[in-house]
C-alpha atoms as a PDB file:
ATOM      1  CA  MET A   1       0.000   0.000   0.000  1.00  0.00           C
ATOM      2  CA  ALA A   2       1.406   3.344  -0.988  1.00  0.00           C
ATOM      3  CA  LEU A   3       1.738   5.855   1.745  1.00  0.00           C
ATOM      4  CA  THR A   4       0.868   9.472   1.076  1.00  0.00           C
ATOM      5  CA  THR A   5       1.912  12.337   3.224  1.00  0.00           C
ATOM      6  CA  THR A   6      -0.192  15.461   3.455  1.00  0.00           C
ATOM      7  CA  LEU A   7       1.757  18.522   4.456  1.00  0.00           C
ATOM      8  CA  PRO A   8      -0.109  20.982   6.631  1.00  0.00           C
ATOM      9  CA  VAL A   9      -0.800  24.377   5.157  1.00  0.00           C
ATOM     10  CA  THR A  10       0.875  26.946   7.313  1.00  0.00           C
ATOM     11  CA  PRO A  11      -0.607  30.414   7.851  1.00  0.00           C
ATOM     12  CA  ALA A  12       2.462  31.910   6.180  1.00  0.00           C
ATOM     13  CA  ALA A  13       1.749  29.954   3.003  1.00  0.00           C
ATOM     14  CA  ALA A  14      -1.933  30.806   3.028  1.00  0.00           C
ATOM     15  CA  LYS A  15      -1.363  34.542   3.443  1.00  0.00           C
ATOM     16  CA  PRO A  16       0.098  35.201  -0.064  1.00  0.00           C
ATOM     17  CA  ALA A  17      -2.860  33.364  -1.624  1.00  0.00           C
ATOM     18  CA  ARG A  18      -5.273  35.676   0.176  1.00  0.00           C
ATOM     19  CA  ALA A  19      -3.183  38.652  -0.861  1.00  0.00           C
ATOM     20  CA  VAL A  20      -3.251  37.577  -4.511  1.00  0.00           C
ATOM     21  CA  LYS A  21      -7.007  37.084  -4.313  1.00  0.00           C
ATOM     22  CA  SER A  22      -7.422  40.495  -2.744  1.00  0.00           C
ATOM     23  CA  ARG A  23      -5.362  42.149  -5.481  1.00  0.00           C
ATOM     24  CA  GLY A  24      -7.421  40.340  -8.114  1.00  0.00           C
ATOM     25  CA  ASN A  25     -10.600  41.711  -6.586  1.00  0.00           C
ATOM     26  CA  LEU A  26      -9.155  45.209  -6.698  1.00  0.00           C
ATOM     27  CA  ARG A  27      -8.348  44.848 -10.386  1.00  0.00           C
ATOM     28  CA  ARG A  28     -11.895  43.791 -11.143  1.00  0.00           C
ATOM     29  CA  SER A  29     -13.541  46.523  -9.111  1.00  0.00           C
ATOM     30  CA  PRO A  30     -16.657  47.708 -10.990  1.00  0.00           C
ATOM     31  CA  THR A  31     -16.651  51.008  -9.132  1.00  0.00           C
ATOM     32  CA  ALA A  32     -13.224  51.936 -10.460  1.00  0.00           C
ATOM     33  CA  THR A  33     -14.257  50.927 -13.985  1.00  0.00           C
ATOM     34  CA  VAL A  34     -17.402  53.054 -13.834  1.00  0.00           C
ATOM     35  CA  LEU A  35     -15.460  56.048 -12.520  1.00  0.00           C
ATOM     36  CA  LEU A  36     -12.886  55.716 -15.299  1.00  0.00           C
ATOM     37  CA  LEU A  37     -15.609  55.460 -17.930  1.00  0.00           C
ATOM     38  CA  LEU A  38     -17.357  58.545 -16.547  1.00  0.00           C
ATOM     39  CA  GLY A  39     -14.073  60.474 -16.554  1.00  0.00           C
ATOM     40  CA  ALA A  40     -13.340  59.410 -20.123  1.00  0.00           C
ATOM     41  CA  ALA A  41     -16.846  60.419 -21.236  1.00  0.00           C
ATOM     42  CA  TYR A  42     -16.487  63.793 -19.506  1.00  0.00           C
ATOM     43  CA  CYS A  43     -13.216  64.473 -21.345  1.00  0.00           C
ATOM     44  CA  LEU A  44     -14.204  63.093 -24.745  1.00  0.00           C
ATOM     45  CA  PHE A  45     -17.750  64.401 -25.070  1.00  0.00           C
ATOM     46  CA  PRO A  46     -16.676  67.989 -26.000  1.00  0.00           C
ATOM     47  CA  VAL A  47     -14.388  66.555 -28.673  1.00  0.00           C
ATOM     48  CA  LEU A  48     -17.235  64.406 -29.987  1.00  0.00           C
ATOM     49  CA  TRP A  49     -19.541  67.423 -30.075  1.00  0.00           C
ATOM     50  CA  VAL A  50     -16.973  69.485 -32.025  1.00  0.00           C
ATOM     51  CA  LEU A  51     -16.515  66.615 -34.477  1.00  0.00           C
ATOM     52  CA  ILE A  52     -20.256  66.336 -35.086  1.00  0.00           C
ATOM     53  CA  ALA A  53     -20.942  70.091 -35.106  1.00  0.00           C
ATOM     54  CA  SER A  54     -18.240  70.671 -37.728  1.00  0.00           C
ATOM     55  CA  THR A  55     -20.217  68.521 -40.171  1.00  0.00           C
ATOM     56  CA  LYS A  56     -23.308  70.750 -39.976  1.00  0.00           C
ATOM     57  CA  SER A  57     -24.246  73.864 -41.880  1.00  0.00           C
ATOM     58  CA  ALA A  58     -24.947  77.164 -40.156  1.00  0.00           C
ATOM     59  CA  GLY A  59     -28.685  76.514 -40.157  1.00  0.00           C
ATOM     60  CA  GLU A  60     -28.359  72.960 -38.825  1.00  0.00           C
ATOM     61  CA  LEU A  61     -25.942  74.014 -36.102  1.00  0.00           C
ATOM     62  CA  PHE A  62     -28.624  75.986 -34.251  1.00  0.00           C
ATOM     63  CA  SER A  63     -31.825  74.292 -35.420  1.00  0.00           C
ATOM     64  CA  THR A  64     -30.874  70.667 -34.643  1.00  0.00           C
ATOM     65  CA  LEU A  65     -29.334  69.823 -31.293  1.00  0.00           C
ATOM     66  CA  THR A  66     -28.903  66.114 -31.969  1.00  0.00           C
ATOM     67  CA  LEU A  67     -25.653  64.164 -32.054  1.00  0.00           C
ATOM     68  CA  SER A  68     -26.276  62.901 -35.570  1.00  0.00           C
ATOM     69  CA  PRO A  69     -23.621  64.114 -38.063  1.00  0.00           C
ATOM     70  CA  SER A  70     -24.395  65.925 -41.293  1.00  0.00           C
ATOM     71  CA  THR A  71     -22.612  66.149 -44.650  1.00  0.00           C
ATOM     72  CA  HIS A  72     -21.149  69.667 -44.729  1.00  0.00           C
ATOM     73  CA  LEU A  73     -17.690  69.056 -43.263  1.00  0.00           C
ATOM     74  CA  PHE A  74     -15.741  69.629 -46.476  1.00  0.00           C
ATOM     75  CA  ASP A  75     -17.871  72.663 -47.323  1.00  0.00           C
ATOM     76  CA  ASN A  76     -17.039  74.147 -43.919  1.00  0.00           C
ATOM     77  CA  VAL A  77     -13.324  73.430 -44.399  1.00  0.00           C
ATOM     78  CA  ARG A  78     -13.435  75.089 -47.813  1.00  0.00           C
ATOM     79  CA  THR A  79     -15.209  78.153 -46.399  1.00  0.00           C
ATOM     80  CA  LEU A  80     -12.680  78.403 -43.584  1.00  0.00           C
ATOM     81  CA  SER A  81      -9.770  78.068 -46.018  1.00  0.00           C
ATOM     82  CA  ASP A  82     -11.174  80.841 -48.225  1.00  0.00           C
ATOM     83  CA  TYR A  83     -11.494  83.293 -45.337  1.00  0.00           C
ATOM     84  CA  ARG A  84      -9.238  86.263 -46.147  1.00  0.00           C
ATOM     85  CA  GLY A  85      -7.070  84.292 -48.528  1.00  0.00           C
ATOM     86  CA  GLY A  86      -6.310  81.374 -46.230  1.00  0.00           C
ATOM     87  CA  LEU A  87      -5.582  83.366 -43.077  1.00  0.00           C
ATOM     88  CA  TYR A  88      -6.600  80.422 -40.901  1.00  0.00           C
ATOM     89  CA  TRP A  89      -3.699  78.321 -42.200  1.00  0.00           C
ATOM     90  CA  ARG A  90      -1.358  81.210 -41.448  1.00  0.00           C
ATOM     91  CA  TRP A  91      -2.620  81.044 -37.865  1.00  0.00           C
ATOM     92  CA  MET A  92      -1.947  77.312 -37.784  1.00  0.00           C
ATOM     93  CA  LEU A  93       1.617  77.833 -39.049  1.00  0.00           C
ATOM     94  CA  ASN A  94       2.143  80.534 -36.431  1.00  0.00           C
ATOM     95  CA  SER A  95       0.948  78.168 -33.699  1.00  0.00           C
ATOM     96  CA  ALA A  96       3.280  75.459 -35.002  1.00  0.00           C
ATOM     97  CA  LEU A  97       6.170  77.948 -34.940  1.00  0.00           C
ATOM     98  CA  TYR A  98       5.417  79.221 -31.447  1.00  0.00           C
ATOM     99  CA  ALA A  99       4.809  75.770 -29.978  1.00  0.00           C
ATOM    100  CA  GLY A 100       7.527  73.894 -31.898  1.00  0.00           C
ATOM    101  CA  VAL A 101      10.393  76.351 -31.481  1.00  0.00           C
ATOM    102  CA  GLY A 102       9.289  77.475 -28.033  1.00  0.00           C
ATOM    103  CA  GLY A 103       8.793  73.901 -26.820  1.00  0.00           C
ATOM    104  CA  ALA A 104      12.176  72.750 -28.149  1.00  0.00           C
ATOM    105  CA  ALA A 105      14.014  75.752 -26.683  1.00  0.00           C
ATOM    106  CA  SER A 106      12.233  75.352 -23.365  1.00  0.00           C
ATOM    107  CA  MET A 107      13.075  71.640 -23.291  1.00  0.00           C
ATOM    108  CA  LEU A 108      16.779  72.342 -23.860  1.00  0.00           C
ATOM    109  CA  VAL A 109      16.943  75.110 -21.247  1.00  0.00           C
ATOM    110  CA  SER A 110      15.008  72.977 -18.766  1.00  0.00           C
ATOM    111  CA  ALA A 111      17.336  70.024 -19.394  1.00  0.00           C
ATOM    112  CA  MET A 112      20.452  72.099 -18.754  1.00  0.00           C
ATOM    113  CA  ALA A 113      19.038  73.766 -15.655  1.00  0.00           C
ATOM    114  CA  GLY A 114      17.573  70.545 -14.251  1.00  0.00           C
ATOM    115  CA  PHE A 115      20.808  68.628 -14.854  1.00  0.00           C
ATOM    116  CA  ALA A 116      22.851  71.332 -13.125  1.00  0.00           C
ATOM    117  CA  LEU A 117      20.504  71.401 -10.124  1.00  0.00           C
ATOM    118  CA  ALA A 118      20.572  67.607  -9.837  1.00  0.00           C
ATOM    119  CA  LYS A 119      24.255  66.818 -10.392  1.00  0.00           C
ATOM    120  CA  TYR A 120      26.300  69.909  -9.497  1.00  0.00           C
ATOM    121  CA  THR A 121      27.093  71.494  -6.162  1.00  0.00           C
ATOM    122  CA  PHE A 122      27.360  75.279  -6.082  1.00  0.00           C
ATOM    123  CA  ALA A 123      26.559  78.205  -3.836  1.00  0.00           C
ATOM    124  CA  GLY A 124      22.878  79.139  -3.735  1.00  0.00           C
ATOM    125  CA  LYS A 125      21.699  75.846  -5.224  1.00  0.00           C
ATOM    126  CA  SER A 126      18.902  75.373  -2.681  1.00  0.00           C
ATOM    127  CA  ALA A 127      17.751  78.979  -3.018  1.00  0.00           C
ATOM    128  CA  ILE A 128      17.575  78.681  -6.814  1.00  0.00           C
ATOM    129  CA  PHE A 129      15.616  75.443  -6.614  1.00  0.00           C
ATOM    130  CA  ASN A 130      13.185  76.976  -4.116  1.00  0.00           C
ATOM    131  CA  LEU A 131      12.737  79.907  -6.491  1.00  0.00           C
ATOM    132  CA  VAL A 132      11.946  77.450  -9.294  1.00  0.00           C
ATOM    133  CA  LEU A 133       9.348  75.753  -7.088  1.00  0.00           C
ATOM    134  CA  ALA A 134       7.806  79.133  -6.340  1.00  0.00           C
ATOM    135  CA  GLY A 135       7.644  79.823 -10.075  1.00  0.00           C
ATOM    136  CA  VAL A 136       5.652  76.619 -10.578  1.00  0.00           C
ATOM    137  CA  LEU A 137       2.944  78.006  -8.289  1.00  0.00           C
ATOM    138  CA  VAL A 138       2.622  81.317 -10.156  1.00  0.00           C
ATOM    139  CA  PRO A 139      -0.014  81.257 -12.927  1.00  0.00           C
ATOM    140  CA  GLY A 140       1.289  82.369 -16.288  1.00  0.00           C
ATOM    141  CA  VAL A 141      -1.614  84.787 -16.692  1.00  0.00           C
ATOM    142  CA  LEU A 142      -0.225  86.945 -13.886  1.00  0.00           C
ATOM    143  CA  LEU A 143       3.077  87.348 -15.729  1.00  0.00           C
ATOM    144  CA  ALA A 144       1.596  88.323 -19.105  1.00  0.00           C
ATOM    145  CA  VAL A 145       1.197  92.038 -18.367  1.00  0.00           C
ATOM    146  CA  PRO A 146       4.672  92.488 -16.750  1.00  0.00           C
ATOM    147  CA  GLN A 147       6.220  90.634 -19.679  1.00  0.00           C
ATOM    148  CA  TYR A 148       4.389  92.914 -22.086  1.00  0.00           C
ATOM    149  CA  LEU A 149       5.712  96.014 -20.303  1.00  0.00           C
ATOM    150  CA  LEU A 150       9.281  94.674 -20.361  1.00  0.00           C
ATOM    151  CA  LEU A 151       9.201  93.771 -24.047  1.00  0.00           C
ATOM    152  CA  ALA A 152       7.510  97.047 -24.923  1.00  0.00           C
ATOM    153  CA  LYS A 153      10.521  98.875 -23.449  1.00  0.00           C
ATOM    154  CA  VAL A 154      12.817  97.231 -26.010  1.00  0.00           C
ATOM    155  CA  GLY A 155      10.355  97.451 -28.896  1.00  0.00           C
ATOM    156  CA  MET A 156       9.736  93.720 -29.267  1.00  0.00           C
ATOM    157  CA  THR A 157       5.959  93.621 -28.925  1.00  0.00           C
ATOM    158  CA  ASN A 158       3.884  92.652 -31.968  1.00  0.00           C
ATOM    159  CA  THR A 159       6.686  90.357 -33.171  1.00  0.00           C
ATOM    160  CA  TYR A 160       7.252  86.622 -33.112  1.00  0.00           C
ATOM    161  CA  TRP A 161       9.847  87.113 -30.371  1.00  0.00           C
ATOM    162  CA  SER A 162       7.260  88.576 -28.015  1.00  0.00           C
ATOM    163  CA  VAL A 163       5.548  85.176 -27.857  1.00  0.00           C
ATOM    164  CA  LEU A 164       8.637  82.964 -28.129  1.00  0.00           C
ATOM    165  CA  LEU A 165      10.878  84.536 -25.487  1.00  0.00           C
ATOM    166  CA  PRO A 166       8.492  84.331 -22.480  1.00  0.00           C
ATOM    167  CA  ASN A 167       7.852  80.644 -23.195  1.00  0.00           C
ATOM    168  CA  ILE A 168      11.487  79.558 -23.157  1.00  0.00           C
ATOM    169  CA  ILE A 169      11.745  79.522 -19.369  1.00  0.00           C
ATOM    170  CA  SER A 170       9.432  76.937 -17.811  1.00  0.00           C
ATOM    171  CA  PRO A 171       9.743  76.437 -14.032  1.00  0.00           C
ATOM    172  CA  TYR A 172       7.704  73.253 -14.225  1.00  0.00           C
ATOM    173  CA  GLY A 173       9.951  71.923 -16.995  1.00  0.00           C
ATOM    174  CA  ILE A 174      13.059  72.675 -14.930  1.00  0.00           C
ATOM    175  CA  TYR A 175      11.509  70.913 -11.954  1.00  0.00           C
ATOM    176  CA  LEU A 176      10.694  67.821 -14.009  1.00  0.00           C
ATOM    177  CA  CYS A 177      14.142  67.724 -15.598  1.00  0.00           C
ATOM    178  CA  ARG A 178      15.779  67.888 -12.191  1.00  0.00           C
ATOM    179  CA  ILE A 179      13.758  64.842 -11.124  1.00  0.00           C
ATOM    180  CA  PHE A 180      14.551  62.959 -14.332  1.00  0.00           C
ATOM    181  CA  ALA A 181      18.263  63.803 -14.150  1.00  0.00           C
ATOM    182  CA  ALA A 182      18.525  62.736 -10.507  1.00  0.00           C
ATOM    183  CA  ALA A 183      16.773  59.417 -11.211  1.00  0.00           C
ATOM    184  CA  ALA A 184      18.062  58.474 -14.673  1.00  0.00           C
ATOM    185  CA  VAL A 185      21.682  59.707 -14.724  1.00  0.00           C
ATOM    186  CA  PRO A 186      23.983  57.835 -12.311  1.00  0.00           C
ATOM    187  CA  THR A 187      26.747  59.901 -10.768  1.00  0.00           C
ATOM    188  CA  GLU A 188      29.196  57.039 -11.384  1.00  0.00           C
ATOM    189  CA  VAL A 189      28.643  57.305 -15.137  1.00  0.00           C
ATOM    190  CA  LEU A 190      29.382  61.037 -15.068  1.00  0.00           C
ATOM    191  CA  GLU A 191      32.537  60.453 -13.069  1.00  0.00           C
ATOM    192  CA  ALA A 192      33.658  57.810 -15.553  1.00  0.00           C
ATOM    193  CA  ALA A 193      33.090  60.246 -18.439  1.00  0.00           C
ATOM    194  CA  ARG A 194      35.180  62.903 -16.689  1.00  0.00           C
ATOM    195  CA  ILE A 195      37.950  60.377 -16.062  1.00  0.00           C
ATOM    196  CA  ASP A 196      37.963  59.631 -19.800  1.00  0.00           C
ATOM    197  CA  GLY A 197      38.577  63.332 -20.446  1.00  0.00           C
ATOM    198  CA  ALA A 198      35.087  64.543 -21.314  1.00  0.00           C
ATOM    199  CA  GLY A 199      34.303  68.137 -20.378  1.00  0.00           C
ATOM    200  CA  ASP A 200      31.075  69.398 -18.861  1.00  0.00           C
ATOM    201  CA  TRP A 201      29.351  70.167 -22.165  1.00  0.00           C
ATOM    202  CA  ARG A 202      30.383  66.864 -23.745  1.00  0.00           C
ATOM    203  CA  THR A 203      29.293  64.950 -20.657  1.00  0.00           C
ATOM    204  CA  PHE A 204      25.931  66.653 -20.754  1.00  0.00           C
ATOM    205  CA  GLY A 205      25.395  66.218 -24.490  1.00  0.00           C
ATOM    206  CA  ARG A 206      26.802  62.713 -25.013  1.00  0.00           C
ATOM    207  CA  VAL A 207      26.009  61.049 -21.677  1.00  0.00           C
ATOM    208  CA  ALA A 208      23.224  62.812 -19.785  1.00  0.00           C
ATOM    209  CA  LEU A 209      20.875  63.812 -22.621  1.00  0.00           C
ATOM    210  CA  PRO A 210      20.410  60.275 -24.041  1.00  0.00           C
ATOM    211  CA  MET A 211      19.599  58.975 -20.561  1.00  0.00           C
ATOM    212  CA  MET A 212      17.054  61.762 -20.040  1.00  0.00           C
ATOM    213  CA  LYS A 213      15.380  61.245 -23.426  1.00  0.00           C
ATOM    214  CA  GLY A 214      12.123  59.866 -22.044  1.00  0.00           C
ATOM    215  CA  GLY A 215      11.776  62.727 -19.590  1.00  0.00           C
ATOM    216  CA  LEU A 216      12.670  65.343 -22.189  1.00  0.00           C
ATOM    217  CA  VAL A 217       9.925  64.086 -24.503  1.00  0.00           C
ATOM    218  CA  THR A 218       7.448  64.538 -21.656  1.00  0.00           C
ATOM    219  CA  VAL A 219       8.679  68.064 -20.981  1.00  0.00           C
ATOM    220  CA  PHE A 220       8.468  68.932 -24.684  1.00  0.00           C
ATOM    221  CA  LEU A 221       4.912  67.621 -24.944  1.00  0.00           C
ATOM    222  CA  PHE A 222       3.759  69.547 -21.891  1.00  0.00           C
ATOM    223  CA  GLN A 223       5.323  72.758 -23.135  1.00  0.00           C
ATOM    224  CA  PHE A 224       4.128  72.277 -26.715  1.00  0.00           C
ATOM    225  CA  VAL A 225       0.529  71.807 -25.597  1.00  0.00           C
ATOM    226  CA  ALA A 226       0.753  74.739 -23.169  1.00  0.00           C
ATOM    227  CA  ILE A 227       2.061  77.106 -25.870  1.00  0.00           C
ATOM    228  CA  TRP A 228      -0.361  75.813 -28.519  1.00  0.00           C
ATOM    229  CA  ASN A 229      -3.337  76.420 -26.203  1.00  0.00           C
ATOM    230  CA  ASN A 230      -2.031  79.698 -24.798  1.00  0.00           C
ATOM    231  CA  PHE A 231      -4.381  82.592 -25.402  1.00  0.00           C
ATOM    232  CA  MET A 232      -3.620  85.420 -22.997  1.00  0.00           C
ATOM    233  CA  LEU A 233       0.053  86.003 -23.829  1.00  0.00           C
ATOM    234  CA  PRO A 234      -0.302  86.327 -27.649  1.00  0.00           C
ATOM    235  CA  TYR A 235      -3.570  88.235 -27.188  1.00  0.00           C
ATOM    236  CA  ILE A 236      -1.708  90.879 -25.178  1.00  0.00           C
ATOM    237  CA  MET A 237       1.528  90.872 -27.165  1.00  0.00           C
ATOM    238  CA  LEU A 238       0.241  90.875 -30.751  1.00  0.00           C
ATOM    239  CA  GLY A 239      -1.753  93.440 -32.687  1.00  0.00           C
ATOM    240  CA  ASP A 240      -1.268  92.176 -36.245  1.00  0.00           C
ATOM    241  CA  ASP A 241      -3.705  89.351 -37.020  1.00  0.00           C
ATOM    242  CA  HIS A 242      -1.154  87.830 -39.426  1.00  0.00           C
ATOM    243  CA  LEU A 243       0.959  87.012 -36.356  1.00  0.00           C
ATOM    244  CA  TYR A 244      -1.901  85.475 -34.376  1.00  0.00           C
ATOM    245  CA  PRO A 245      -1.815  81.838 -33.287  1.00  0.00           C
ATOM    246  CA  VAL A 246      -4.907  79.779 -33.944  1.00  0.00           C
ATOM    247  CA  THR A 247      -6.345  80.385 -30.458  1.00  0.00           C
ATOM    248  CA  VAL A 248      -6.431  84.168 -30.825  1.00  0.00           C
ATOM    249  CA  GLY A 249      -7.514  83.945 -34.460  1.00  0.00           C
ATOM    250  CA  LEU A 250     -10.501  81.732 -33.661  1.00  0.00           C
ATOM    251  CA  SER A 251     -11.453  84.084 -30.854  1.00  0.00           C
ATOM    252  CA  GLY A 252     -11.665  86.900 -33.402  1.00  0.00           C
ATOM    253  CA  LEU A 253     -13.853  84.763 -35.644  1.00  0.00           C
ATOM    254  CA  LEU A 254     -16.082  83.969 -32.683  1.00  0.00           C
ATOM    255  CA  ASN A 255     -16.569  87.670 -32.005  1.00  0.00           C
ATOM    256  CA  GLN A 256     -17.581  88.168 -35.630  1.00  0.00           C
ATOM    257  CA  GLY A 257     -20.212  85.476 -35.192  1.00  0.00           C
ATOM    258  CA  ALA A 258     -22.372  87.893 -33.209  1.00  0.00           C
ATOM    259  CA  SER A 259     -23.073  89.837 -36.430  1.00  0.00           C
ATOM    260  CA  GLN A 260     -22.430  86.978 -38.915  1.00  0.00           C
ATOM    261  CA  PRO A 261     -23.872  83.727 -37.499  1.00  0.00           C
ATOM    262  CA  ALA A 262     -22.399  81.771 -40.429  1.00  0.00           C
ATOM    263  CA  MET A 263     -18.941  82.301 -38.897  1.00  0.00           C
ATOM    264  CA  TYR A 264     -19.809  79.950 -36.029  1.00  0.00           C
ATOM    265  CA  THR A 265     -19.447  76.922 -38.296  1.00  0.00           C
ATOM    266  CA  SER A 266     -15.999  78.181 -39.314  1.00  0.00           C
ATOM    267  CA  VAL A 267     -15.037  78.531 -35.656  1.00  0.00           C
ATOM    268  CA  VAL A 268     -16.158  74.985 -34.833  1.00  0.00           C
ATOM    269  CA  THR A 269     -14.400  73.579 -37.914  1.00  0.00           C
ATOM    270  CA  GLY A 270     -11.244  75.509 -37.070  1.00  0.00           C
ATOM    271  CA  ALA A 271     -11.323  74.158 -33.513  1.00  0.00           C
ATOM    272  CA  LEU A 272     -11.565  70.621 -34.866  1.00  0.00           C
ATOM    273  CA  LEU A 273      -8.624  71.109 -37.224  1.00  0.00           C
ATOM    274  CA  SER A 274      -6.547  72.721 -34.477  1.00  0.00           C
ATOM    275  CA  ILE A 275      -6.553  69.597 -32.291  1.00  0.00           C
ATOM    276  CA  ILE A 276      -5.337  67.294 -35.065  1.00  0.00           C
ATOM    277  CA  PRO A 277      -1.635  68.323 -34.703  1.00  0.00           C
ATOM    278  CA  LEU A 278      -1.810  67.704 -30.943  1.00  0.00           C
ATOM    279  CA  VAL A 279      -3.252  64.221 -31.407  1.00  0.00           C
ATOM    280  CA  ALA A 280      -0.677  63.415 -34.095  1.00  0.00           C
ATOM    281  CA  LEU A 281       2.157  64.655 -31.878  1.00  0.00           C
ATOM    282  CA  PHE A 282       1.076  62.536 -28.925  1.00  0.00           C
ATOM    283  CA  LEU A 283       0.709  59.436 -31.083  1.00  0.00           C
ATOM    284  CA  GLY A 284       4.055  60.040 -32.801  1.00  0.00           C
ATOM    285  CA  LEU A 285       6.038  60.568 -29.593  1.00  0.00           C
ATOM    286  CA  GLN A 286       4.235  57.981 -27.510  1.00  0.00           C
ATOM    287  CA  ARG A 287       6.916  55.324 -28.045  1.00  0.00           C
ATOM    288  CA  TYR A 288       9.555  57.567 -26.457  1.00  0.00           C
ATOM    289  CA  TRP A 289       7.803  57.748 -23.108  1.00  0.00           C
ATOM    290  CA  ARG A 290       9.297  55.912 -20.174  1.00  0.00           C
ATOM    291  CA  VAL A 291       7.283  54.501 -17.313  1.00  0.00           C
ATOM    292  CA  ASP A 292      10.384  53.977 -15.210  1.00  0.00           C
ATOM    293  CA  LEU A 293      12.401  57.124 -14.555  1.00  0.00           C
ATOM    294  CA  GLY A 294      15.544  55.043 -14.405  1.00  0.00           C
ATOM    295  CA  ALA A 295      15.005  53.351 -17.770  1.00  0.00           C
ATOM    296  CA  GLY A 296      18.003  55.082 -19.306  1.00  0.00           C
ATOM    297  CA  ALA A 297      20.433  54.411 -16.483  1.00  0.00           C
ATOM    298  CA  VAL A 298      23.275  51.916 -16.654  1.00  0.00           C
ATOM    299  CA  LYS A 299      22.747  49.255 -14.025  1.00  0.00           C
ATOM    300  CA  ALA A 300      25.554  47.308 -12.426  1.00  0.00           C
END
């Protein structure tokens, strides 16, 4: 007769099973799923409404309040493109210039400042970092008028520089880059580069920047979206509508809608077209994101 031995289940062995079961229940929580679906619907419904409204004519836009699309999308795009010889597309190019150049310059400045705050020791380092944190708490709207007065003194208002220069310095970008540099760039790697004869600029460009790539993409996206959606700064700085970004330009079209209701369809269509570059940018740069801040570090 074969003998079988049954080992007793100890409380220590049973505890992980209960923990796994508990985590499984958390993953299948219907409450969390419902909350996420409600949040997604809250964020996506305005986009859905703009998409549907842009397919309607001026008469349908106000007479029918249903979510059923119409067939006038291409007519609305053509009308918008014909407005003042294609001025809308000039606004889109201006927004791309402001957001692209401003976001890239801000990313580079933030990377240099964040790397210095994370990896260098110098007098006043803590005071500078505290000043950066204070700058994160200051809304950009409060700085628009002082920036206008400063640039007006040197005759730079109503130029492309009046929108680009204030957006180069981003306290939040510097803060993020400091976190990314501290987590993703090991000090040992920097010391090894200096031993091999690399100077500060070469160490930063050849060693630190590649390791911070995931964080820099995040900083660029945040700054690009912030500049693209910025309204107050260009509204104050610019007087020539040929220099307007798309946000200020559409605001002018919206004001004209009070006397010309047909302009409302152009505004809605322009708003739809203006979000396409943002969606394309997020989808194109999505593969560069890093979940782990230390993804670029060299591990022993």
